[in-house]
């Protein structure tokens, strides 16, 4: 644009600069690199025998299944950076060690592989099975399917998967597992240790993993928003233990829901510090 040097006033700014110029990269603006600590120190406490079968149940599947599985008293724990991530049990009805993983605190992406690796190196299982979920609304398939009609799915590195026929469908590409279960499978895929993950359908799109390992929160155990049919959970449980060579004679039973009473107005006021669950 030509500017008249003898004009009494300057031209309006929009006549000289466009909006696009306002959005140009500013080389003087420096993005500071993140300094978040990504070091993971995992450890296992408790007397857990190595060399046997290992069953790991995670997330919402683990939380809900554990409530009706009669696991008995906790016999060990798995920590990441001094935060309890896994709760270990030796139920009377199985020879396998059972770990309820990420029921109290979630793992960031950078911590999943070191956590899984430490468990496998410490316990040296002869076979591994995992219970997790897959998201029905985002599952890529030729035709859409509802949560009520969604089947149990599986992925396995084992040679013999005949026990899954007619009970579960393959978790097929291009779908991906992005939870800690993927780390367990990935590590064992280059070994001779068989590993199978049983996936219950979930209607929920999960929250993204946390950026850092946070303190354990027991309130996570109250999460029971998904209501799977009892028969479906028992089928998943049966497959879970058949994957490690066990035919367990134990039925999963959901906990009875207690009717919630209306909290008093006093306890719902901000500042009172009371909460009804």
C-alpha atoms as a PDB file:
ATOM      1  CA  UNK A   1       0.000   0.000   0.000  1.00  0.00           C
ATOM      2  CA  UNK A   2       1.301   3.472  -0.900  1.00  0.00           C
ATOM      3  CA  UNK A   3       1.289   6.068   1.881  1.00  0.00           C
ATOM      4  CA  UNK A   4       1.035   9.791   1.167  1.00  0.00           C
ATOM      5  CA  UNK A   5       3.952  11.382   3.101  1.00  0.00           C
ATOM      6  CA  UNK A   6       2.153  14.753   3.045  1.00  0.00           C
ATOM      7  CA  UNK A   7      -1.045  13.474   4.638  1.00  0.00           C
ATOM      8  CA  UNK A   8      -2.075  15.186   7.887  1.00  0.00           C
ATOM      9  CA  UNK A   9      -2.882  11.918   9.687  1.00  0.00           C
ATOM     10  CA  UNK A  10      -1.531   8.403   9.688  1.00  0.00           C
ATOM     11  CA  UNK A  11      -3.576   5.714   7.948  1.00  0.00           C
ATOM     12  CA  UNK A  12      -5.544   3.348  10.200  1.00  0.00           C
ATOM     13  CA  UNK A  13      -3.586   0.347  11.389  1.00  0.00           C
ATOM     14  CA  UNK A  14      -5.801  -2.154   9.557  1.00  0.00           C
ATOM     15  CA  UNK A  15      -4.777  -0.538   6.273  1.00  0.00           C
ATOM     16  CA  UNK A  16      -1.144  -1.446   6.898  1.00  0.00           C
ATOM     17  CA  UNK A  17      -1.214  -4.694   8.900  1.00  0.00           C
ATOM     18  CA  UNK A  18      -3.478  -7.658   8.365  1.00  0.00           C
ATOM     19  CA  UNK A  19      -4.856  -9.939  11.066  1.00  0.00           C
ATOM     20  CA  UNK A  20      -2.592 -12.698   9.797  1.00  0.00           C
ATOM     21  CA  UNK A  21       0.477 -10.691  10.722  1.00  0.00           C
ATOM     22  CA  UNK A  22      -0.758 -10.529  14.305  1.00  0.00           C
ATOM     23  CA  UNK A  23      -0.678 -14.322  14.459  1.00  0.00           C
ATOM     24  CA  UNK A  24       2.856 -14.695  13.128  1.00  0.00           C
ATOM     25  CA  UNK A  25       5.402 -16.586  15.234  1.00  0.00           C
ATOM     26  CA  UNK A  26       7.213 -14.402  17.709  1.00  0.00           C
ATOM     27  CA  UNK A  27      10.866 -15.542  17.852  1.00  0.00           C
ATOM     28  CA  UNK A  28      11.327 -13.735  21.148  1.00  0.00           C
ATOM     29  CA  UNK A  29       8.750 -15.960  22.861  1.00  0.00           C
ATOM     30  CA  UNK A  30      10.607 -18.907  24.349  1.00  0.00           C
ATOM     31  CA  UNK A  31       8.713 -22.006  25.475  1.00  0.00           C
ATOM     32  CA  UNK A  32      10.260 -23.286  28.665  1.00  0.00           C
ATOM     33  CA  UNK A  33      10.988 -27.044  28.623  1.00  0.00           C
ATOM     34  CA  UNK A  34       9.078 -29.105  31.145  1.00  0.00           C
ATOM     35  CA  UNK A  35      11.039 -30.172  34.185  1.00  0.00           C
ATOM     36  CA  UNK A  36       8.673 -32.871  35.405  1.00  0.00           C
ATOM     37  CA  UNK A  37      10.382 -35.821  37.049  1.00  0.00           C
ATOM     38  CA  UNK A  38       9.872 -39.002  35.020  1.00  0.00           C
ATOM     39  CA  UNK A  39      12.032 -41.275  37.158  1.00  0.00           C
ATOM     40  CA  UNK A  40      10.148 -44.329  38.427  1.00  0.00           C
ATOM     41  CA  UNK A  41      11.269 -46.420  41.382  1.00  0.00           C
ATOM     42  CA  UNK A  42       9.070 -49.496  41.743  1.00  0.00           C
ATOM     43  CA  UNK A  43       9.149 -51.935  44.638  1.00  0.00           C
ATOM     44  CA  UNK A  44       7.110 -54.828  46.020  1.00  0.00           C
ATOM     45  CA  UNK A  45       6.412 -55.287  49.711  1.00  0.00           C
ATOM     46  CA  UNK A  46       5.111 -58.509  51.216  1.00  0.00           C
ATOM     47  CA  UNK A  47       5.937 -62.177  50.896  1.00  0.00           C
ATOM     48  CA  UNK A  48       4.853 -63.032  47.359  1.00  0.00           C
ATOM     49  CA  UNK A  49       6.224 -66.265  45.933  1.00  0.00           C
ATOM     50  CA  UNK A  50       7.820 -66.068  42.508  1.00  0.00           C
ATOM     51  CA  UNK A  51       7.560 -68.571  39.683  1.00  0.00           C
ATOM     52  CA  UNK A  52       3.808 -69.187  39.893  1.00  0.00           C
ATOM     53  CA  UNK A  53       0.816 -67.838  38.009  1.00  0.00           C
ATOM     54  CA  UNK A  54       0.017 -64.137  38.122  1.00  0.00           C
ATOM     55  CA  UNK A  55      -3.353 -62.457  37.587  1.00  0.00           C
ATOM     56  CA  UNK A  56      -3.477 -58.655  37.262  1.00  0.00           C
ATOM     57  CA  UNK A  57      -6.790 -56.799  37.145  1.00  0.00           C
ATOM     58  CA  UNK A  58      -6.792 -53.080  36.400  1.00  0.00           C
ATOM     59  CA  UNK A  59      -8.869 -49.924  36.420  1.00  0.00           C
ATOM     60  CA  UNK A  60     -12.643 -49.995  36.686  1.00  0.00           C
ATOM     61  CA  UNK A  61     -12.730 -53.714  35.853  1.00  0.00           C
ATOM     62  CA  UNK A  62     -10.382 -54.423  38.733  1.00  0.00           C
ATOM     63  CA  UNK A  63     -12.220 -52.209  41.197  1.00  0.00           C
ATOM     64  CA  UNK A  64     -15.614 -53.739  40.492  1.00  0.00           C
ATOM     65  CA  UNK A  65     -14.397 -57.330  40.174  1.00  0.00           C
ATOM     66  CA  UNK A  66     -12.419 -57.144  43.425  1.00  0.00           C
ATOM     67  CA  UNK A  67     -15.516 -56.179  45.413  1.00  0.00           C
ATOM     68  CA  UNK A  68     -17.260 -59.456  44.631  1.00  0.00           C
ATOM     69  CA  UNK A  69     -14.305 -61.812  44.318  1.00  0.00           C
ATOM     70  CA  UNK A  70     -13.717 -62.695  48.011  1.00  0.00           C
ATOM     71  CA  UNK A  71      -9.982 -62.063  47.805  1.00  0.00           C
ATOM     72  CA  UNK A  72      -9.305 -62.237  51.538  1.00  0.00           C
ATOM     73  CA  UNK A  73      -6.727 -60.110  53.311  1.00  0.00           C
ATOM     74  CA  UNK A  74      -4.094 -58.128  51.467  1.00  0.00           C
ATOM     75  CA  UNK A  75      -0.727 -59.925  51.465  1.00  0.00           C
ATOM     76  CA  UNK A  76       1.456 -57.467  49.589  1.00  0.00           C
ATOM     77  CA  UNK A  77       1.671 -54.205  47.710  1.00  0.00           C
ATOM     78  CA  UNK A  78       3.332 -52.745  44.638  1.00  0.00           C
ATOM     79  CA  UNK A  79       4.675 -49.212  44.924  1.00  0.00           C
ATOM     80  CA  UNK A  80       5.826 -46.665  42.369  1.00  0.00           C
ATOM     81  CA  UNK A  81       7.761 -43.732  43.826  1.00  0.00           C
ATOM     82  CA  UNK A  82       6.494 -44.699  47.300  1.00  0.00           C
ATOM     83  CA  UNK A  83       2.836 -44.550  46.174  1.00  0.00           C
ATOM     84  CA  UNK A  84       0.801 -47.753  46.494  1.00  0.00           C
ATOM     85  CA  UNK A  85      -0.396 -48.664  43.012  1.00  0.00           C
ATOM     86  CA  UNK A  86      -1.071 -52.404  43.276  1.00  0.00           C
ATOM     87  CA  UNK A  87      -2.714 -54.439  46.048  1.00  0.00           C
ATOM     88  CA  UNK A  88      -1.639 -58.101  46.170  1.00  0.00           C
ATOM     89  CA  UNK A  89      -3.763 -61.014  47.394  1.00  0.00           C
ATOM     90  CA  UNK A  90      -3.489 -64.785  47.749  1.00  0.00           C
ATOM     91  CA  UNK A  91      -7.147 -65.911  47.642  1.00  0.00           C
ATOM     92  CA  UNK A  92      -7.921 -69.312  49.119  1.00  0.00           C
ATOM     93  CA  UNK A  93      -9.752 -70.413  45.969  1.00  0.00           C
ATOM     94  CA  UNK A  94      -6.823 -70.001  43.550  1.00  0.00           C
ATOM     95  CA  UNK A  95      -3.113 -70.825  43.420  1.00  0.00           C
ATOM     96  CA  UNK A  96      -2.413 -67.597  41.552  1.00  0.00           C
ATOM     97  CA  UNK A  97      -1.204 -64.312  42.993  1.00  0.00           C
ATOM     98  CA  UNK A  98      -3.805 -61.636  42.282  1.00  0.00           C
ATOM     99  CA  UNK A  99      -2.825 -57.971  41.944  1.00  0.00           C
ATOM    100  CA  UNK A 100      -5.487 -55.263  41.872  1.00  0.00           C
ATOM    101  CA  UNK A 101      -3.666 -52.582  39.915  1.00  0.00           C
ATOM    102  CA  UNK A 102      -4.328 -48.835  39.822  1.00  0.00           C
ATOM    103  CA  UNK A 103      -7.377 -49.031  42.047  1.00  0.00           C
ATOM    104  CA  UNK A 104      -6.053 -46.307  44.364  1.00  0.00           C
ATOM    105  CA  UNK A 105      -3.957 -44.220  41.983  1.00  0.00           C
ATOM    106  CA  UNK A 106      -3.437 -44.113  38.224  1.00  0.00           C
ATOM    107  CA  UNK A 107      -0.119 -44.315  36.410  1.00  0.00           C
ATOM    108  CA  UNK A 108       1.202 -41.742  33.935  1.00  0.00           C
ATOM    109  CA  UNK A 109       2.354 -43.087  30.578  1.00  0.00           C
ATOM    110  CA  UNK A 110       6.048 -42.896  31.444  1.00  0.00           C
ATOM    111  CA  UNK A 111       5.519 -45.064  34.561  1.00  0.00           C
ATOM    112  CA  UNK A 112       3.523 -47.913  33.015  1.00  0.00           C
ATOM    113  CA  UNK A 113       6.416 -49.840  31.491  1.00  0.00           C
ATOM    114  CA  UNK A 114       8.808 -49.603  34.494  1.00  0.00           C
ATOM    115  CA  UNK A 115       5.960 -50.628  36.816  1.00  0.00           C
ATOM    116  CA  UNK A 116       5.021 -53.664  34.718  1.00  0.00           C
ATOM    117  CA  UNK A 117       8.663 -54.607  34.165  1.00  0.00           C
ATOM    118  CA  UNK A 118       9.442 -54.579  37.883  1.00  0.00           C
ATOM    119  CA  UNK A 119       6.464 -56.827  38.683  1.00  0.00           C
ATOM    120  CA  UNK A 120       7.451 -59.329  36.000  1.00  0.00           C
ATOM    121  CA  UNK A 121      11.138 -59.336  36.940  1.00  0.00           C
ATOM    122  CA  UNK A 122      10.359 -59.719  40.647  1.00  0.00           C
ATOM    123  CA  UNK A 123       7.673 -62.411  40.451  1.00  0.00           C
ATOM    124  CA  UNK A 124       8.906 -64.256  37.330  1.00  0.00           C
ATOM    125  CA  UNK A 125       5.436 -65.681  36.545  1.00  0.00           C
ATOM    126  CA  UNK A 126       5.198 -68.826  34.451  1.00  0.00           C
ATOM    127  CA  UNK A 127       1.980 -67.431  32.956  1.00  0.00           C
ATOM    128  CA  UNK A 128       0.102 -64.141  33.169  1.00  0.00           C
ATOM    129  CA  UNK A 129      -3.496 -63.112  32.661  1.00  0.00           C
ATOM    130  CA  UNK A 130      -4.949 -59.621  32.864  1.00  0.00           C
ATOM    131  CA  UNK A 131      -8.444 -58.216  33.248  1.00  0.00           C
ATOM    132  CA  UNK A 132      -9.120 -54.777  31.793  1.00  0.00           C
ATOM    133  CA  UNK A 133     -11.720 -52.925  29.718  1.00  0.00           C
ATOM    134  CA  UNK A 134     -12.122 -51.634  26.188  1.00  0.00           C
ATOM    135  CA  UNK A 135     -14.214 -48.619  25.197  1.00  0.00           C
ATOM    136  CA  UNK A 136     -17.291 -49.612  23.209  1.00  0.00           C
ATOM    137  CA  UNK A 137     -18.190 -46.142  21.774  1.00  0.00           C
ATOM    138  CA  UNK A 138     -14.731 -45.734  20.183  1.00  0.00           C
ATOM    139  CA  UNK A 139     -14.127 -49.356  19.181  1.00  0.00           C
ATOM    140  CA  UNK A 140     -13.520 -49.468  15.430  1.00  0.00           C
ATOM    141  CA  UNK A 141     -15.713 -52.076  13.757  1.00  0.00           C
ATOM    142  CA  UNK A 142     -17.589 -52.554  10.485  1.00  0.00           C
ATOM    143  CA  UNK A 143     -20.884 -51.803  12.187  1.00  0.00           C
ATOM    144  CA  UNK A 144     -21.741 -49.992  15.398  1.00  0.00           C
ATOM    145  CA  UNK A 145     -22.656 -52.029  18.450  1.00  0.00           C
ATOM    146  CA  UNK A 146     -24.294 -51.004  21.708  1.00  0.00           C
ATOM    147  CA  UNK A 147     -22.765 -51.455  25.145  1.00  0.00           C
ATOM    148  CA  UNK A 148     -25.471 -53.997  26.014  1.00  0.00           C
ATOM    149  CA  UNK A 149     -24.550 -56.126  22.985  1.00  0.00           C
ATOM    150  CA  UNK A 150     -20.772 -55.722  23.228  1.00  0.00           C
ATOM    151  CA  UNK A 151     -18.856 -58.977  23.788  1.00  0.00           C
ATOM    152  CA  UNK A 152     -15.869 -59.799  25.945  1.00  0.00           C
ATOM    153  CA  UNK A 153     -12.704 -59.377  23.875  1.00  0.00           C
ATOM    154  CA  UNK A 154      -9.164 -60.651  24.280  1.00  0.00           C
ATOM    155  CA  UNK A 155      -5.554 -60.392  23.156  1.00  0.00           C
ATOM    156  CA  UNK A 156      -3.086 -63.191  23.783  1.00  0.00           C
ATOM    157  CA  UNK A 157       0.523 -64.183  23.180  1.00  0.00           C
ATOM    158  CA  UNK A 158      -0.276 -67.793  24.117  1.00  0.00           C
ATOM    159  CA  UNK A 159      -0.211 -70.529  21.485  1.00  0.00           C
ATOM    160  CA  UNK A 160      -3.346 -72.265  22.771  1.00  0.00           C
ATOM    161  CA  UNK A 161      -6.428 -70.039  22.890  1.00  0.00           C
ATOM    162  CA  UNK A 162      -9.092 -72.688  22.274  1.00  0.00           C
ATOM    163  CA  UNK A 163     -10.606 -72.011  25.698  1.00  0.00           C
ATOM    164  CA  UNK A 164     -11.615 -68.558  24.406  1.00  0.00           C
ATOM    165  CA  UNK A 165     -13.603 -69.840  21.427  1.00  0.00           C
ATOM    166  CA  UNK A 166     -17.276 -68.943  21.660  1.00  0.00           C
ATOM    167  CA  UNK A 167     -16.673 -66.990  24.880  1.00  0.00           C
ATOM    168  CA  UNK A 168     -14.740 -63.949  23.669  1.00  0.00           C
ATOM    169  CA  UNK A 169     -13.893 -62.174  20.421  1.00  0.00           C
ATOM    170  CA  UNK A 170     -10.471 -61.005  19.318  1.00  0.00           C
ATOM    171  CA  UNK A 171      -9.557 -57.390  20.046  1.00  0.00           C
ATOM    172  CA  UNK A 172      -8.640 -56.540  16.471  1.00  0.00           C
ATOM    173  CA  UNK A 173      -6.650 -53.772  14.736  1.00  0.00           C
ATOM    174  CA  UNK A 174      -6.656 -50.826  14.271  1.00  0.00           C
ATOM    175  CA  UNK A 175      -7.879 -50.664  17.876  1.00  0.00           C
ATOM    176  CA  UNK A 176      -5.247 -50.125  20.552  1.00  0.00           C
ATOM    177  CA  UNK A 177      -4.907 -50.864  24.256  1.00  0.00           C
ATOM    178  CA  UNK A 178      -3.331 -47.846  25.934  1.00  0.00           C
ATOM    179  CA  UNK A 179      -3.443 -48.922  29.571  1.00  0.00           C
ATOM    180  CA  UNK A 180      -0.782 -50.623  31.703  1.00  0.00           C
ATOM    181  CA  UNK A 181      -2.036 -53.971  30.366  1.00  0.00           C
ATOM    182  CA  UNK A 182      -0.370 -53.064  27.061  1.00  0.00           C
ATOM    183  CA  UNK A 183       2.978 -52.764  28.853  1.00  0.00           C
ATOM    184  CA  UNK A 184       2.635 -56.242  30.359  1.00  0.00           C
ATOM    185  CA  UNK A 185       1.764 -57.760  26.971  1.00  0.00           C
ATOM    186  CA  UNK A 186       4.510 -55.869  25.170  1.00  0.00           C
ATOM    187  CA  UNK A 187       7.209 -57.005  27.604  1.00  0.00           C
ATOM    188  CA  UNK A 188       6.143 -60.667  27.501  1.00  0.00           C
ATOM    189  CA  UNK A 189       5.606 -60.729  23.724  1.00  0.00           C
ATOM    190  CA  UNK A 190       9.356 -61.253  23.233  1.00  0.00           C
ATOM    191  CA  UNK A 191       9.574 -64.024  25.850  1.00  0.00           C
ATOM    192  CA  UNK A 192       8.225 -67.561  26.130  1.00  0.00           C
ATOM    193  CA  UNK A 193       5.860 -66.596  28.970  1.00  0.00           C
ATOM    194  CA  UNK A 194       2.229 -66.770  27.782  1.00  0.00           C
ATOM    195  CA  UNK A 195       0.095 -63.720  28.503  1.00  0.00           C
ATOM    196  CA  UNK A 196      -3.593 -63.055  27.869  1.00  0.00           C
ATOM    197  CA  UNK A 197      -5.690 -59.969  28.520  1.00  0.00           C
ATOM    198  CA  UNK A 198      -9.452 -60.351  28.950  1.00  0.00           C
ATOM    199  CA  UNK A 199     -11.335 -57.150  28.121  1.00  0.00           C
ATOM    200  CA  UNK A 200     -14.774 -56.306  29.477  1.00  0.00           C
ATOM    201  CA  UNK A 201     -16.805 -53.763  27.484  1.00  0.00           C
ATOM    202  CA  UNK A 202     -17.076 -50.287  28.966  1.00  0.00           C
ATOM    203  CA  UNK A 203     -19.419 -47.448  27.981  1.00  0.00           C
ATOM    204  CA  UNK A 204     -16.972 -44.860  29.347  1.00  0.00           C
ATOM    205  CA  UNK A 205     -14.260 -42.995  27.500  1.00  0.00           C
ATOM    206  CA  UNK A 206     -11.529 -42.945  30.160  1.00  0.00           C
ATOM    207  CA  UNK A 207      -9.826 -39.835  31.428  1.00  0.00           C
ATOM    208  CA  UNK A 208      -6.304 -39.306  30.079  1.00  0.00           C
ATOM    209  CA  UNK A 209      -3.523 -40.718  32.263  1.00  0.00           C
ATOM    210  CA  UNK A 210      -2.256 -38.367  34.972  1.00  0.00           C
ATOM    211  CA  UNK A 211       0.912 -36.406  34.287  1.00  0.00           C
ATOM    212  CA  UNK A 212       2.497 -37.468  37.563  1.00  0.00           C
ATOM    213  CA  UNK A 213       2.085 -40.281  40.081  1.00  0.00           C
ATOM    214  CA  UNK A 214      -0.338 -38.945  42.667  1.00  0.00           C
ATOM    215  CA  UNK A 215      -1.032 -39.995  46.236  1.00  0.00           C
ATOM    216  CA  UNK A 216      -3.254 -43.041  46.759  1.00  0.00           C
ATOM    217  CA  UNK A 217      -6.918 -42.134  47.126  1.00  0.00           C
ATOM    218  CA  UNK A 218      -9.169 -44.725  48.770  1.00  0.00           C
ATOM    219  CA  UNK A 219     -12.272 -42.963  47.417  1.00  0.00           C
ATOM    220  CA  UNK A 220     -11.450 -44.514  44.023  1.00  0.00           C
ATOM    221  CA  UNK A 221     -12.682 -47.816  45.464  1.00  0.00           C
ATOM    222  CA  UNK A 222     -16.230 -46.449  45.566  1.00  0.00           C
ATOM    223  CA  UNK A 223     -16.323 -46.275  41.786  1.00  0.00           C
ATOM    224  CA  UNK A 224     -18.971 -48.696  40.538  1.00  0.00           C
ATOM    225  CA  UNK A 225     -20.746 -46.856  37.770  1.00  0.00           C
ATOM    226  CA  UNK A 226     -20.596 -49.731  35.263  1.00  0.00           C
ATOM    227  CA  UNK A 227     -23.150 -52.460  35.863  1.00  0.00           C
ATOM    228  CA  UNK A 228     -22.091 -55.627  34.089  1.00  0.00           C
ATOM    229  CA  UNK A 229     -24.403 -58.645  34.191  1.00  0.00           C
ATOM    230  CA  UNK A 230     -23.228 -61.158  36.778  1.00  0.00           C
ATOM    231  CA  UNK A 231     -23.020 -63.890  34.130  1.00  0.00           C
ATOM    232  CA  UNK A 232     -20.741 -61.719  31.991  1.00  0.00           C
ATOM    233  CA  UNK A 233     -18.331 -61.056  34.865  1.00  0.00           C
ATOM    234  CA  UNK A 234     -18.294 -64.743  35.815  1.00  0.00           C
ATOM    235  CA  UNK A 235     -17.480 -65.647  32.216  1.00  0.00           C
ATOM    236  CA  UNK A 236     -14.632 -63.135  32.220  1.00  0.00           C
ATOM    237  CA  UNK A 237     -13.394 -64.506  35.554  1.00  0.00           C
ATOM    238  CA  UNK A 238     -13.472 -68.070  34.233  1.00  0.00           C
ATOM    239  CA  UNK A 239     -11.459 -67.072  31.146  1.00  0.00           C
ATOM    240  CA  UNK A 240      -9.076 -65.035  33.280  1.00  0.00           C
ATOM    241  CA  UNK A 241      -8.026 -68.080  35.288  1.00  0.00           C
ATOM    242  CA  UNK A 242      -8.205 -70.582  32.434  1.00  0.00           C
ATOM    243  CA  UNK A 243      -5.592 -68.386  30.757  1.00  0.00           C
ATOM    244  CA  UNK A 244      -3.163 -69.412  33.521  1.00  0.00           C
ATOM    245  CA  UNK A 245      -4.276 -73.045  33.476  1.00  0.00           C
ATOM    246  CA  UNK A 246      -6.783 -72.970  36.355  1.00  0.00           C
ATOM    247  CA  UNK A 247     -10.408 -74.054  36.442  1.00  0.00           C
ATOM    248  CA  UNK A 248     -11.569 -72.212  39.538  1.00  0.00           C
ATOM    249  CA  UNK A 249     -14.694 -73.312  41.376  1.00  0.00           C
ATOM    250  CA  UNK A 250     -15.622 -69.889  42.667  1.00  0.00           C
ATOM    251  CA  UNK A 251     -18.501 -67.620  41.700  1.00  0.00           C
ATOM    252  CA  UNK A 252     -18.212 -63.856  41.517  1.00  0.00           C
ATOM    253  CA  UNK A 253     -21.077 -62.151  43.336  1.00  0.00           C
ATOM    254  CA  UNK A 254     -21.787 -58.424  43.097  1.00  0.00           C
ATOM    255  CA  UNK A 255     -22.114 -56.513  46.328  1.00  0.00           C
ATOM    256  CA  UNK A 256     -25.627 -55.482  47.220  1.00  0.00           C
ATOM    257  CA  UNK A 257     -26.186 -51.796  46.684  1.00  0.00           C
ATOM    258  CA  UNK A 258     -27.146 -49.907  49.790  1.00  0.00           C
ATOM    259  CA  UNK A 259     -29.853 -47.314  49.542  1.00  0.00           C
ATOM    260  CA  UNK A 260     -28.454 -43.837  49.936  1.00  0.00           C
ATOM    261  CA  UNK A 261     -30.040 -41.652  52.554  1.00  0.00           C
ATOM    262  CA  UNK A 262     -30.425 -37.957  51.947  1.00  0.00           C
ATOM    263  CA  UNK A 263     -27.639 -36.066  53.735  1.00  0.00           C
ATOM    264  CA  UNK A 264     -28.681 -33.387  56.153  1.00  0.00           C
ATOM    265  CA  UNK A 265     -28.489 -29.837  54.944  1.00  0.00           C
ATOM    266  CA  UNK A 266     -25.833 -29.086  57.541  1.00  0.00           C
ATOM    267  CA  UNK A 267     -23.421 -31.578  55.998  1.00  0.00           C
ATOM    268  CA  UNK A 268     -23.845 -30.218  52.492  1.00  0.00           C
ATOM    269  CA  UNK A 269     -22.956 -26.661  53.381  1.00  0.00           C
ATOM    270  CA  UNK A 270     -19.570 -25.472  52.203  1.00  0.00           C
ATOM    271  CA  UNK A 271     -17.099 -25.335  55.064  1.00  0.00           C
ATOM    272  CA  UNK A 272     -18.686 -28.025  57.218  1.00  0.00           C
ATOM    273  CA  UNK A 273     -16.180 -30.602  55.980  1.00  0.00           C
ATOM    274  CA  UNK A 274     -18.741 -33.413  55.822  1.00  0.00           C
ATOM    275  CA  UNK A 275     -19.387 -35.719  52.898  1.00  0.00           C
ATOM    276  CA  UNK A 276     -21.872 -38.539  52.458  1.00  0.00           C
ATOM    277  CA  UNK A 277     -20.872 -41.478  50.271  1.00  0.00           C
END
